[in-house]
Amino acid sequence: MNTMPNEKARSIQQTVVLAMEFHHETSIIYLQNGQVLHFIGFIHYWNEETDEVRIINQFDDIVRIQLNEIVILYVLDNHD
């Protein structure tokens, strides 16, 4: 019996682009200053020159993350 999911892994860069393009909410686990942190929100901005990603949540909290700090990035399915 095959228990592996049928999903294909994308690079973090590809996932960032898709989440921004289709305005999907994301769940991001990232490493910053030696701490593992988690944030749920929408990717608002990605500066490809500096690799800074800005994520904003429903409370207008903004997190700035370097692309290389992202450990796991999930796109949350908002379809009912």
PDB file of N, CA and C in Angstrom:
ATOM      1  N   MET A   1       0.845  -1.177   0.000  1.00  0.00           N
ATOM      2  CA  MET A   1       0.000   0.000   0.000  1.00  0.00           C
ATOM      3  C   MET A   1       0.885   1.233   0.000  1.00  0.00           C
ATOM      4  N   ASN A   2       0.606   2.159  -0.904  1.00  0.00           N
ATOM      5  CA  ASN A   2       1.391   3.378  -1.019  1.00  0.00           C
ATOM      6  C   ASN A   2       0.785   4.460  -0.134  1.00  0.00           C
ATOM      7  N   THR A   3       1.537   4.925   0.840  1.00  0.00           N
ATOM      8  CA  THR A   3       1.041   5.961   1.741  1.00  0.00           C
ATOM      9  C   THR A   3       1.651   7.325   1.452  1.00  0.00           C
ATOM     10  N   MET A   4       2.442   7.415   0.401  1.00  0.00           N
ATOM     11  CA  MET A   4       3.072   8.690   0.048  1.00  0.00           C
ATOM     12  C   MET A   4       2.036   9.608  -0.595  1.00  0.00           C
ATOM     13  N   PRO A   5       2.068  10.902  -0.254  1.00  0.00           N
ATOM     14  CA  PRO A   5       1.126  11.826  -0.890  1.00  0.00           C
ATOM     15  C   PRO A   5       1.459  12.012  -2.362  1.00  0.00           C
ATOM     16  N   ASN A   6       0.468  12.410  -3.127  1.00  0.00           N
ATOM     17  CA  ASN A   6       0.651  12.619  -4.557  1.00  0.00           C
ATOM     18  C   ASN A   6       1.195  14.010  -4.878  1.00  0.00           C
ATOM     19  N   GLU A   7       1.358  14.842  -3.869  1.00  0.00           N
ATOM     20  CA  GLU A   7       1.845  16.198  -4.085  1.00  0.00           C
ATOM     21  C   GLU A   7       3.313  16.181  -4.473  1.00  0.00           C
ATOM     22  N   LYS A   8       3.682  17.144  -5.285  1.00  0.00           N
ATOM     23  CA  LYS A   8       5.084  17.277  -5.657  1.00  0.00           C
ATOM     24  C   LYS A   8       5.671  18.466  -4.914  1.00  0.00           C
ATOM     25  N   ALA A   9       6.857  18.306  -4.436  1.00  0.00           N
ATOM     26  CA  ALA A   9       7.520  19.391  -3.705  1.00  0.00           C
ATOM     27  C   ALA A   9       7.957  20.475  -4.675  1.00  0.00           C
ATOM     28  N   ARG A  10       7.796  21.706  -4.256  1.00  0.00           N
ATOM     29  CA  ARG A  10       8.269  22.855  -5.024  1.00  0.00           C
ATOM     30  C   ARG A  10       9.370  23.529  -4.221  1.00  0.00           C
ATOM     31  N   SER A  11      10.184  24.270  -4.893  1.00  0.00           N
ATOM     32  CA  SER A  11      11.191  25.040  -4.169  1.00  0.00           C
ATOM     33  C   SER A  11      10.479  26.142  -3.387  1.00  0.00           C
ATOM     34  N   ILE A  12      11.143  26.661  -2.387  1.00  0.00           N
ATOM     35  CA  ILE A  12      10.564  27.746  -1.597  1.00  0.00           C
ATOM     36  C   ILE A  12      10.297  28.950  -2.493  1.00  0.00           C
ATOM     37  N   GLN A  13      11.208  29.226  -3.421  1.00  0.00           N
ATOM     38  CA  GLN A  13      11.018  30.352  -4.331  1.00  0.00           C
ATOM     39  C   GLN A  13       9.751  30.180  -5.174  1.00  0.00           C
ATOM     40  N   GLN A  14       9.538  28.981  -5.711  1.00  0.00           N
ATOM     41  CA  GLN A  14       8.339  28.715  -6.509  1.00  0.00           C
ATOM     42  C   GLN A  14       7.075  28.871  -5.672  1.00  0.00           C
ATOM     43  N   THR A  15       7.121  28.395  -4.448  1.00  0.00           N
ATOM     44  CA  THR A  15       5.962  28.478  -3.567  1.00  0.00           C
ATOM     45  C   THR A  15       5.656  29.924  -3.205  1.00  0.00           C
ATOM     46  N   VAL A  16       6.699  30.732  -2.956  1.00  0.00           N
ATOM     47  CA  VAL A  16       6.511  32.154  -2.662  1.00  0.00           C
ATOM     48  C   VAL A  16       5.822  32.840  -3.841  1.00  0.00           C
ATOM     49  N   VAL A  17       6.290  32.582  -5.039  1.00  0.00           N
ATOM     50  CA  VAL A  17       5.711  33.199  -6.243  1.00  0.00           C
ATOM     51  C   VAL A  17       4.238  32.802  -6.394  1.00  0.00           C
ATOM     52  N   LEU A  18       3.936  31.530  -6.249  1.00  0.00           N
ATOM     53  CA  LEU A  18       2.546  31.070  -6.397  1.00  0.00           C
ATOM     54  C   LEU A  18       1.641  31.647  -5.316  1.00  0.00           C
ATOM     55  N   ALA A  19       2.128  31.692  -4.087  1.00  0.00           N
ATOM     56  CA  ALA A  19       1.326  32.239  -2.989  1.00  0.00           C
ATOM     57  C   ALA A  19       1.041  33.718  -3.209  1.00  0.00           C
ATOM     58  N   MET A  20       2.024  34.453  -3.724  1.00  0.00           N
ATOM     59  CA  MET A  20       1.820  35.877  -4.004  1.00  0.00           C
ATOM     60  C   MET A  20       0.860  36.067  -5.178  1.00  0.00           C
ATOM     61  N   GLU A  21       1.075  35.294  -6.230  1.00  0.00           N
ATOM     62  CA  GLU A  21       0.277  35.448  -7.451  1.00  0.00           C
ATOM     63  C   GLU A  21      -1.203  35.184  -7.201  1.00  0.00           C
ATOM     64  N   PHE A  22      -1.501  34.135  -6.441  1.00  0.00           N
ATOM     65  CA  PHE A  22      -2.884  33.741  -6.210  1.00  0.00           C
ATOM     66  C   PHE A  22      -3.416  34.188  -4.853  1.00  0.00           C
ATOM     67  N   HIS A  23      -2.610  34.973  -4.115  1.00  0.00           N
ATOM     68  CA  HIS A  23      -2.987  35.547  -2.823  1.00  0.00           C
ATOM     69  C   HIS A  23      -3.504  34.478  -1.851  1.00  0.00           C
ATOM     70  N   HIS A  24      -2.708  33.426  -1.709  1.00  0.00           N
ATOM     71  CA  HIS A  24      -3.041  32.349  -0.777  1.00  0.00           C
ATOM     72  C   HIS A  24      -2.397  32.614   0.577  1.00  0.00           C
ATOM     73  N   GLU A  25      -3.106  32.233   1.613  1.00  0.00           N
ATOM     74  CA  GLU A  25      -2.551  32.319   2.959  1.00  0.00           C
ATOM     75  C   GLU A  25      -1.468  31.243   3.111  1.00  0.00           C
ATOM     76  N   THR A  26      -0.419  31.574   3.833  1.00  0.00           N
ATOM     77  CA  THR A  26       0.685  30.638   4.009  1.00  0.00           C
ATOM     78  C   THR A  26       0.979  30.413   5.483  1.00  0.00           C
ATOM     79  N   SER A  27       1.549  29.268   5.756  1.00  0.00           N
ATOM     80  CA  SER A  27       2.061  28.926   7.072  1.00  0.00           C
ATOM     81  C   SER A  27       3.566  28.771   6.914  1.00  0.00           C
ATOM     82  N   ILE A  28       4.318  29.587   7.636  1.00  0.00           N
ATOM     83  CA  ILE A  28       5.764  29.616   7.447  1.00  0.00           C
ATOM     84  C   ILE A  28       6.454  29.286   8.756  1.00  0.00           C
ATOM     85  N   ILE A  29       7.331  28.314   8.705  1.00  0.00           N
ATOM     86  CA  ILE A  29       8.205  27.992   9.829  1.00  0.00           C
ATOM     87  C   ILE A  29       9.588  28.461   9.428  1.00  0.00           C
ATOM     88  N   TYR A  30      10.177  29.294  10.271  1.00  0.00           N
ATOM     89  CA  TYR A  30      11.461  29.890   9.912  1.00  0.00           C
ATOM     90  C   TYR A  30      12.377  29.972  11.121  1.00  0.00           C
ATOM     91  N   LEU A  31      13.638  30.144  10.834  1.00  0.00           N
ATOM     92  CA  LEU A  31      14.682  30.215  11.845  1.00  0.00           C
ATOM     93  C   LEU A  31      15.196  31.645  11.884  1.00  0.00           C
ATOM     94  N   GLN A  32      15.154  32.272  13.072  1.00  0.00           N
ATOM     95  CA  GLN A  32      15.631  33.636  13.189  1.00  0.00           C
ATOM     96  C   GLN A  32      16.298  33.812  14.546  1.00  0.00           C
ATOM     97  N   ASN A  33      17.543  34.252  14.529  1.00  0.00           N
ATOM     98  CA  ASN A  33      18.323  34.454  15.755  1.00  0.00           C
ATOM     99  C   ASN A  33      18.357  33.203  16.628  1.00  0.00           C
ATOM    100  N   GLY A  34      18.500  32.047  15.999  1.00  0.00           N
ATOM    101  CA  GLY A  34      18.605  30.791  16.732  1.00  0.00           C
ATOM    102  C   GLY A  34      17.293  30.251  17.257  1.00  0.00           C
ATOM    103  N   GLN A  35      16.179  30.857  16.900  1.00  0.00           N
ATOM    104  CA  GLN A  35      14.871  30.397  17.358  1.00  0.00           C
ATOM    105  C   GLN A  35      14.047  29.917  16.172  1.00  0.00           C
ATOM    106  N   VAL A  36      13.264  28.870  16.416  1.00  0.00           N
ATOM    107  CA  VAL A  36      12.321  28.385  15.407  1.00  0.00           C
ATOM    108  C   VAL A  36      11.004  29.109  15.656  1.00  0.00           C
ATOM    109  N   LEU A  37      10.509  29.807  14.624  1.00  0.00           N
ATOM    110  CA  LEU A  37       9.296  30.603  14.752  1.00  0.00           C
ATOM    111  C   LEU A  37       8.275  30.175  13.700  1.00  0.00           C
ATOM    112  N   HIS A  38       7.015  30.508  13.963  1.00  0.00           N
ATOM    113  CA  HIS A  38       5.928  30.143  13.061  1.00  0.00           C
ATOM    114  C   HIS A  38       5.051  31.366  12.848  1.00  0.00           C
ATOM    115  N   PHE A  39       4.624  31.589  11.609  1.00  0.00           N
ATOM    116  CA  PHE A  39       3.766  32.732  11.292  1.00  0.00           C
ATOM    117  C   PHE A  39       2.800  32.319  10.196  1.00  0.00           C
ATOM    118  N   ILE A  40       1.557  32.730  10.338  1.00  0.00           N
ATOM    119  CA  ILE A  40       0.548  32.476   9.315  1.00  0.00           C
ATOM    120  C   ILE A  40       0.113  33.817   8.751  1.00  0.00           C
ATOM    121  N   GLY A  41       0.173  33.943   7.439  1.00  0.00           N
ATOM    122  CA  GLY A  41      -0.232  35.193   6.813  1.00  0.00           C
ATOM    123  C   GLY A  41      -0.079  35.127   5.304  1.00  0.00           C
ATOM    124  N   PHE A  42      -0.208  36.280   4.687  1.00  0.00           N
ATOM    125  CA  PHE A  42      -0.113  36.395   3.238  1.00  0.00           C
ATOM    126  C   PHE A  42       1.227  37.013   2.868  1.00  0.00           C
ATOM    127  N   ILE A  43       1.862  36.465   1.863  1.00  0.00           N
ATOM    128  CA  ILE A  43       3.133  37.020   1.408  1.00  0.00           C
ATOM    129  C   ILE A  43       2.814  38.301   0.657  1.00  0.00           C
ATOM    130  N   HIS A  44       3.298  39.394   1.203  1.00  0.00           N
ATOM    131  CA  HIS A  44       2.989  40.720   0.684  1.00  0.00           C
ATOM    132  C   HIS A  44       4.030  41.200  -0.323  1.00  0.00           C
ATOM    133  N   TYR A  45       5.284  40.784  -0.109  1.00  0.00           N
ATOM    134  CA  TYR A  45       6.378  41.353  -0.902  1.00  0.00           C
ATOM    135  C   TYR A  45       7.573  40.422  -0.867  1.00  0.00           C
ATOM    136  N   TRP A  46       8.240  40.305  -1.995  1.00  0.00           N
ATOM    137  CA  TRP A  46       9.502  39.563  -2.058  1.00  0.00           C
ATOM    138  C   TRP A  46      10.472  40.383  -2.887  1.00  0.00           C
ATOM    139  N   ASN A  47      11.548  40.829  -2.264  1.00  0.00           N
ATOM    140  CA  ASN A  47      12.602  41.546  -2.969  1.00  0.00           C
ATOM    141  C   ASN A  47      13.606  40.508  -3.440  1.00  0.00           C
ATOM    142  N   GLU A  48      13.633  40.255  -4.722  1.00  0.00           N
ATOM    143  CA  GLU A  48      14.499  39.209  -5.262  1.00  0.00           C
ATOM    144  C   GLU A  48      15.981  39.574  -5.179  1.00  0.00           C
ATOM    145  N   GLU A  49      16.295  40.865  -5.088  1.00  0.00           N
ATOM    146  CA  GLU A  49      17.699  41.274  -4.983  1.00  0.00           C
ATOM    147  C   GLU A  49      18.267  41.006  -3.595  1.00  0.00           C
ATOM    148  N   THR A  50      17.456  41.281  -2.553  1.00  0.00           N
ATOM    149  CA  THR A  50      17.931  41.086  -1.175  1.00  0.00           C
ATOM    150  C   THR A  50      17.398  39.801  -0.559  1.00  0.00           C
ATOM    151  N   ASP A  51      16.462  39.127  -1.240  1.00  0.00           N
ATOM    152  CA  ASP A  51      15.786  37.920  -0.750  1.00  0.00           C
ATOM    153  C   ASP A  51      14.980  38.162   0.520  1.00  0.00           C
ATOM    154  N   GLU A  52      14.538  39.412   0.734  1.00  0.00           N
ATOM    155  CA  GLU A  52      13.666  39.693   1.873  1.00  0.00           C
ATOM    156  C   GLU A  52      12.228  39.397   1.478  1.00  0.00           C
ATOM    157  N   VAL A  53      11.530  38.684   2.358  1.00  0.00           N
ATOM    158  CA  VAL A  53      10.121  38.357   2.165  1.00  0.00           C
ATOM    159  C   VAL A  53       9.349  39.021   3.300  1.00  0.00           C
ATOM    160  N   ARG A  54       8.257  39.686   2.945  1.00  0.00           N
ATOM    161  CA  ARG A  54       7.398  40.294   3.964  1.00  0.00           C
ATOM    162  C   ARG A  54       6.056  39.583   3.958  1.00  0.00           C
ATOM    163  N   ILE A  55       5.646  39.169   5.158  1.00  0.00           N
ATOM    164  CA  ILE A  55       4.387  38.457   5.318  1.00  0.00           C
ATOM    165  C   ILE A  55       3.517  39.277   6.261  1.00  0.00           C
ATOM    166  N   ILE A  56       2.242  39.394   5.929  1.00  0.00           N
ATOM    167  CA  ILE A  56       1.308  40.159   6.759  1.00  0.00           C
ATOM    168  C   ILE A  56       0.134  39.260   7.120  1.00  0.00           C
ATOM    169  N   ASN A  57      -0.347  39.377   8.372  1.00  0.00           N
ATOM    170  CA  ASN A  57      -1.485  38.546   8.780  1.00  0.00           C
ATOM    171  C   ASN A  57      -2.747  39.390   8.877  1.00  0.00           C
ATOM    172  N   GLN A  58      -3.825  38.779   9.326  1.00  0.00           N
ATOM    173  CA  GLN A  58      -5.126  39.452   9.371  1.00  0.00           C
ATOM    174  C   GLN A  58      -5.174  40.586  10.391  1.00  0.00           C
ATOM    175  N   PHE A  59      -4.204  40.642  11.304  1.00  0.00           N
ATOM    176  CA  PHE A  59      -4.141  41.706  12.301  1.00  0.00           C
ATOM    177  C   PHE A  59      -3.169  42.812  11.891  1.00  0.00           C
ATOM    178  N   ASP A  60      -2.696  42.752  10.654  1.00  0.00           N
ATOM    179  CA  ASP A  60      -1.724  43.701  10.096  1.00  0.00           C
ATOM    180  C   ASP A  60      -0.354  43.626  10.765  1.00  0.00           C
ATOM    181  N   ASP A  61      -0.043  42.479  11.380  1.00  0.00           N
ATOM    182  CA  ASP A  61       1.313  42.244  11.870  1.00  0.00           C
ATOM    183  C   ASP A  61       2.180  41.901  10.663  1.00  0.00           C
ATOM    184  N   ILE A  62       3.373  42.448  10.625  1.00  0.00           N
ATOM    185  CA  ILE A  62       4.275  42.195   9.504  1.00  0.00           C
ATOM    186  C   ILE A  62       5.535  41.516  10.007  1.00  0.00           C
ATOM    187  N   VAL A  63       5.943  40.464   9.304  1.00  0.00           N
ATOM    188  CA  VAL A  63       7.191  39.769   9.610  1.00  0.00           C
ATOM    189  C   VAL A  63       8.079  39.886   8.380  1.00  0.00           C
ATOM    190  N   ARG A  64       9.340  40.229   8.625  1.00  0.00           N
ATOM    191  CA  ARG A  64      10.327  40.282   7.543  1.00  0.00           C
ATOM    192  C   ARG A  64      11.277  39.116   7.734  1.00  0.00           C
ATOM    193  N   ILE A  65      11.411  38.324   6.689  1.00  0.00           N
ATOM    194  CA  ILE A  65      12.218  37.103   6.751  1.00  0.00           C
ATOM    195  C   ILE A  65      13.136  37.081   5.544  1.00  0.00           C
ATOM    196  N   GLN A  66      14.343  36.634   5.747  1.00  0.00           N
ATOM    197  CA  GLN A  66      15.230  36.356   4.615  1.00  0.00           C
ATOM    198  C   GLN A  66      14.817  35.003   4.047  1.00  0.00           C
ATOM    199  N   LEU A  67      14.870  34.877   2.753  1.00  0.00           N
ATOM    200  CA  LEU A  67      14.457  33.643   2.091  1.00  0.00           C
ATOM    201  C   LEU A  67      15.206  32.429   2.638  1.00  0.00           C
ATOM    202  N   ASN A  68      16.487  32.590   2.958  1.00  0.00           N
ATOM    203  CA  ASN A  68      17.266  31.452   3.458  1.00  0.00           C
ATOM    204  C   ASN A  68      16.945  31.104   4.912  1.00  0.00           C
ATOM    205  N   GLU A  69      16.110  31.896   5.583  1.00  0.00           N
ATOM    206  CA  GLU A  69      15.682  31.577   6.945  1.00  0.00           C
ATOM    207  C   GLU A  69      14.449  30.678   6.974  1.00  0.00           C
ATOM    208  N   ILE A  70      13.763  30.568   5.831  1.00  0.00           N
ATOM    209  CA  ILE A  70      12.536  29.761   5.766  1.00  0.00           C
ATOM    210  C   ILE A  70      12.902  28.285   5.755  1.00  0.00           C
ATOM    211  N   VAL A  71      12.328  27.551   6.699  1.00  0.00           N
ATOM    212  CA  VAL A  71      12.565  26.115   6.796  1.00  0.00           C
ATOM    213  C   VAL A  71      11.462  25.361   6.070  1.00  0.00           C
ATOM    214  N   ILE A  72      10.210  25.715   6.360  1.00  0.00           N
ATOM    215  CA  ILE A  72       9.056  25.059   5.746  1.00  0.00           C
ATOM    216  C   ILE A  72       8.051  26.137   5.363  1.00  0.00           C
ATOM    217  N   LEU A  73       7.480  26.005   4.185  1.00  0.00           N
ATOM    218  CA  LEU A  73       6.474  26.951   3.704  1.00  0.00           C
ATOM    219  C   LEU A  73       5.310  26.158   3.143  1.00  0.00           C
ATOM    220  N   TYR A  74       4.152  26.290   3.785  1.00  0.00           N
ATOM    221  CA  TYR A  74       2.933  25.626   3.312  1.00  0.00           C
ATOM    222  C   TYR A  74       1.985  26.665   2.760  1.00  0.00           C
ATOM    223  N   VAL A  75       1.316  26.337   1.683  1.00  0.00           N
ATOM    224  CA  VAL A  75       0.215  27.159   1.202  1.00  0.00           C
ATOM    225  C   VAL A  75      -1.057  26.541   1.773  1.00  0.00           C
ATOM    226  N   LEU A  76      -1.810  27.345   2.506  1.00  0.00           N
ATOM    227  CA  LEU A  76      -3.034  26.846   3.130  1.00  0.00           C
ATOM    228  C   LEU A  76      -4.172  26.901   2.131  1.00  0.00           C
ATOM    229  N   ASP A  77      -4.979  25.870   2.109  1.00  0.00           N
ATOM    230  CA  ASP A  77      -6.105  25.775   1.185  1.00  0.00           C
ATOM    231  C   ASP A  77      -7.287  26.512   1.801  1.00  0.00           C
ATOM    232  N   ASN A  78      -7.716  27.594   1.163  1.00  0.00           N
ATOM    233  CA  ASN A  78      -8.822  28.387   1.681  1.00  0.00           C
ATOM    234  C   ASN A  78     -10.148  28.068   1.014  1.00  0.00           C
ATOM    235  N   HIS A  79     -10.172  27.023   0.232  1.00  0.00           N
ATOM    236  CA  HIS A  79     -11.410  26.671  -0.476  1.00  0.00           C
ATOM    237  C   HIS A  79     -12.312  25.848   0.430  1.00  0.00           C
ATOM    238  N   ASP A  80     -13.569  26.247   0.514  1.00  0.00           N
ATOM    239  CA  ASP A  80     -14.529  25.504   1.343  1.00  0.00           C
ATOM    240  C   ASP A  80     -15.204  24.423   0.560  1.00  0.00           C
TER     241      ASP A  80
END
